């Protein structure tokens, strides 16, 4: 009797488990930095999209959560704003001269209603690095973000730039070039200090 009951119980549990919808996290396959660049700077949409890229989460659910979180009570003189900030992070030596690299991040900030001044940075979207004036991708193992004050942080990452366009040749920081793949830099570290 106990064996029959146990078998029946296992069968019912298996059926329920198989027929339940999957609650696993769905990672959007279409998130890209190209789409991020097409969004309006200094906007909640761009900030949330950068967070979705960094965390491999669904953009729409993060946007809903962000809108909900913004309804939380704050001091009467404070409000939330979103800021896109880019800072020159270094130079790449090429046969075309020195090319500037930048680090860009989206930030969720708290502003004073009376002065408009940024009081603190609450959070960052996914920082990204690029080569100014070229389509580029920076492949890296992740950004280090060290807050240096409530309104400033140091961003750094080690990786390689892959640059499309231009007639590059090997030399300087460029370690390879092909017509199909573009130029690839040596492994380098990009660093930027940002203040809001």
Protein backbone atom coordinates (compact mmCIF):
# COMPACT_ATOMS: atom_id res chain seq x y z
CA UNK A 1 0.00 0.00 0.00
CA UNK A 2 2.76 2.45 0.95
CA UNK A 3 4.69 1.59 -2.23
CA UNK A 4 1.59 2.17 -4.39
CA UNK A 5 0.92 5.50 -2.65
CA UNK A 6 4.58 6.57 -3.09
CA UNK A 7 4.51 5.72 -6.80
CA UNK A 8 1.26 7.61 -7.26
CA UNK A 9 2.67 10.60 -5.39
CA UNK A 10 5.85 10.63 -7.55
CA UNK A 11 3.73 10.36 -10.72
CA UNK A 12 1.50 13.30 -9.70
CA UNK A 13 4.49 15.46 -8.70
CA UNK A 14 6.24 14.67 -12.00
CA UNK A 15 3.12 15.55 -13.98
CA UNK A 16 2.67 18.85 -12.13
CA UNK A 17 6.36 19.74 -12.54
CA UNK A 18 6.36 18.98 -16.28
CA UNK A 19 3.11 20.84 -16.95
CA UNK A 20 4.12 23.99 -15.02
CA UNK A 21 5.31 26.96 -17.04
CA UNK A 22 9.01 27.70 -16.85
CA UNK A 23 9.95 30.48 -14.45
CA UNK A 24 13.58 30.62 -15.57
CA UNK A 25 15.01 34.02 -16.33
CA UNK A 26 14.75 34.85 -20.00
CA UNK A 27 17.78 36.68 -21.32
CA UNK A 28 16.81 38.95 -24.21
CA UNK A 29 18.74 37.93 -27.29
CA UNK A 30 18.42 41.33 -28.96
CA UNK A 31 20.18 43.58 -26.41
CA UNK A 32 23.05 45.43 -28.06
CA UNK A 33 25.22 48.49 -27.60
CA UNK A 34 24.08 49.68 -31.04
CA UNK A 35 20.51 49.89 -29.69
CA UNK A 36 21.76 51.59 -26.52
CA UNK A 37 23.48 54.27 -28.63
CA UNK A 38 20.24 54.90 -30.52
CA UNK A 39 18.32 55.74 -27.32
CA UNK A 40 17.97 59.33 -26.12
CA UNK A 41 20.84 60.31 -23.76
CA UNK A 42 19.95 61.38 -20.20
CA UNK A 43 16.79 59.23 -20.17
CA UNK A 44 15.30 56.53 -17.98
CA UNK A 45 15.05 54.27 -21.05
CA UNK A 46 18.78 54.49 -21.81
CA UNK A 47 19.71 53.96 -18.13
CA UNK A 48 17.46 50.89 -17.82
CA UNK A 49 18.68 49.49 -21.13
CA UNK A 50 22.30 49.81 -19.91
CA UNK A 51 21.29 47.99 -16.69
CA UNK A 52 19.65 45.23 -18.76
CA UNK A 53 22.89 44.83 -20.73
CA UNK A 54 25.00 44.69 -17.57
CA UNK A 55 22.76 42.28 -15.71
CA UNK A 56 21.48 40.16 -18.64
CA UNK A 57 17.89 40.91 -17.63
CA UNK A 58 14.69 41.73 -19.46
CA UNK A 59 14.48 45.41 -20.40
CA UNK A 60 10.69 45.74 -19.98
CA UNK A 61 10.61 44.21 -16.49
CA UNK A 62 13.56 46.37 -15.37
CA UNK A 63 11.82 49.47 -16.74
CA UNK A 64 8.63 48.62 -14.84
CA UNK A 65 10.67 48.07 -11.67
CA UNK A 66 12.53 51.36 -12.13
CA UNK A 67 9.29 53.31 -12.59
CA UNK A 68 7.90 51.64 -9.48
CA UNK A 69 11.07 52.37 -7.46
CA UNK A 70 10.92 56.04 -8.44
CA UNK A 71 7.63 56.37 -6.60
CA UNK A 72 9.39 55.72 -3.29
CA UNK A 73 9.36 58.60 -0.87
CA UNK A 74 12.28 60.99 -0.96
CA UNK A 75 13.10 64.19 0.82
CA UNK A 76 10.78 66.99 -0.38
CA UNK A 77 13.71 68.79 -2.02
CA UNK A 78 14.97 65.74 -3.99
CA UNK A 79 14.10 64.14 -7.31
CA UNK A 80 15.53 61.40 -9.56
CA UNK A 81 17.24 62.21 -12.83
CA UNK A 82 19.24 60.22 -15.39
CA UNK A 83 22.56 61.38 -16.79
CA UNK A 84 24.68 60.04 -19.66
CA UNK A 85 28.33 60.92 -19.07
CA UNK A 86 31.40 60.33 -21.27
CA UNK A 87 35.01 60.98 -20.32
CA UNK A 88 38.20 60.57 -22.36
CA UNK A 89 39.99 57.53 -20.98
CA UNK A 90 43.20 57.46 -23.01
CA UNK A 91 44.71 57.22 -26.46
CA UNK A 92 45.47 54.42 -28.89
CA UNK A 93 48.62 54.76 -30.99
CA UNK A 94 47.99 53.92 -34.67
CA UNK A 95 49.41 54.66 -38.09
CA UNK A 96 46.57 57.22 -38.37
CA UNK A 97 47.80 59.02 -35.26
CA UNK A 98 46.55 59.01 -31.69
CA UNK A 99 42.89 57.98 -31.37
CA UNK A 100 40.98 58.99 -28.24
CA UNK A 101 39.13 56.38 -26.22
CA UNK A 102 36.16 57.20 -24.04
CA UNK A 103 34.27 55.55 -21.23
CA UNK A 104 30.56 56.27 -21.10
CA UNK A 105 28.08 55.36 -18.40
CA UNK A 106 24.46 55.95 -17.60
CA UNK A 107 23.79 57.13 -14.05
CA UNK A 108 20.73 57.41 -11.84
CA UNK A 109 21.25 60.55 -9.77
CA UNK A 110 19.42 62.44 -7.02
CA UNK A 111 19.11 66.19 -7.62
CA UNK A 112 18.12 69.07 -5.40
CA UNK A 113 14.86 70.70 -6.54
CA UNK A 114 15.96 74.11 -5.29
CA UNK A 115 19.43 74.19 -6.91
CA UNK A 116 19.31 71.48 -9.60
CA UNK A 117 22.68 70.29 -8.25
CA UNK A 118 23.40 66.55 -8.17
CA UNK A 119 23.48 65.44 -4.54
CA UNK A 120 24.51 61.82 -5.12
CA UNK A 121 24.73 59.06 -7.71
CA UNK A 122 22.41 56.20 -6.75
CA UNK A 123 23.45 53.66 -9.38
CA UNK A 124 25.17 53.13 -12.72
CA UNK A 125 24.11 51.44 -15.92
CA UNK A 126 26.64 49.31 -17.79
CA UNK A 127 29.76 51.39 -18.56
CA UNK A 128 31.19 50.93 -22.03
CA UNK A 129 34.34 52.05 -23.84
CA UNK A 130 34.68 53.19 -27.44
CA UNK A 131 37.12 54.78 -29.87
CA UNK A 132 36.00 58.29 -30.77
CA UNK A 133 35.08 58.63 -34.44
CA UNK A 134 35.02 54.89 -35.23
CA UNK A 135 32.65 51.97 -34.87
CA UNK A 136 34.34 49.97 -32.16
CA UNK A 137 33.81 47.30 -29.57
CA UNK A 138 35.73 46.91 -26.32
CA UNK A 139 35.89 43.27 -25.23
CA UNK A 140 36.70 43.04 -21.57
CA UNK A 141 36.10 41.04 -18.42
CA UNK A 142 33.98 43.70 -16.73
CA UNK A 143 34.35 47.21 -15.40
CA UNK A 144 35.63 48.00 -11.93
CA UNK A 145 33.65 50.88 -10.42
CA UNK A 146 35.13 52.50 -7.33
CA UNK A 147 33.08 55.27 -5.79
CA UNK A 148 35.36 58.06 -4.63
CA UNK A 149 32.59 60.29 -3.25
CA UNK A 150 28.77 60.48 -3.39
CA UNK A 151 29.08 62.25 -6.77
CA UNK A 152 32.21 60.70 -8.31
CA UNK A 153 33.66 57.33 -9.28
CA UNK A 154 36.67 55.75 -10.97
CA UNK A 155 35.95 53.33 -13.84
CA UNK A 156 38.52 50.88 -15.21
CA UNK A 157 38.61 47.76 -17.37
CA UNK A 158 41.21 45.68 -19.18
CA UNK A 159 40.52 44.38 -22.67
CA UNK A 160 40.97 44.89 -26.41
CA UNK A 161 39.38 47.30 -28.85
CA UNK A 162 38.11 45.97 -32.17
CA UNK A 163 37.82 48.91 -34.59
CA UNK A 164 35.91 49.00 -37.89
CA UNK A 165 36.70 51.50 -40.62
CA UNK A 166 39.95 53.25 -41.40
CA UNK A 167 43.03 51.86 -43.08
CA UNK A 168 45.03 50.70 -40.12
CA UNK A 169 48.33 48.92 -40.21
CA UNK A 170 50.03 46.85 -37.54
CA UNK A 171 52.12 48.95 -35.19
CA UNK A 172 51.74 51.01 -32.07
CA UNK A 173 48.76 49.61 -30.18
CA UNK A 174 47.36 47.78 -33.25
CA UNK A 175 48.37 44.10 -33.18
CA UNK A 176 46.37 42.89 -36.19
CA UNK A 177 44.33 44.22 -39.09
CA UNK A 178 42.21 42.59 -41.77
CA UNK A 179 39.73 44.03 -44.23
CA UNK A 180 36.97 41.73 -42.95
CA UNK A 181 37.60 42.03 -39.21
CA UNK A 182 39.06 45.51 -38.83
CA UNK A 183 41.82 46.42 -36.41
CA UNK A 184 42.51 44.77 -33.06
CA UNK A 185 44.51 46.50 -30.33
CA UNK A 186 46.85 44.95 -27.84
CA UNK A 187 45.35 44.26 -24.42
CA UNK A 188 45.14 47.55 -22.57
CA UNK A 189 43.51 49.12 -19.54
CA UNK A 190 41.15 52.06 -19.86
CA UNK A 191 40.59 54.32 -16.86
CA UNK A 192 38.36 57.34 -16.31
CA UNK A 193 37.46 59.42 -13.27
CA UNK A 194 33.95 60.88 -13.49
CA UNK A 195 32.32 63.54 -11.38
CA UNK A 196 28.72 64.65 -11.55
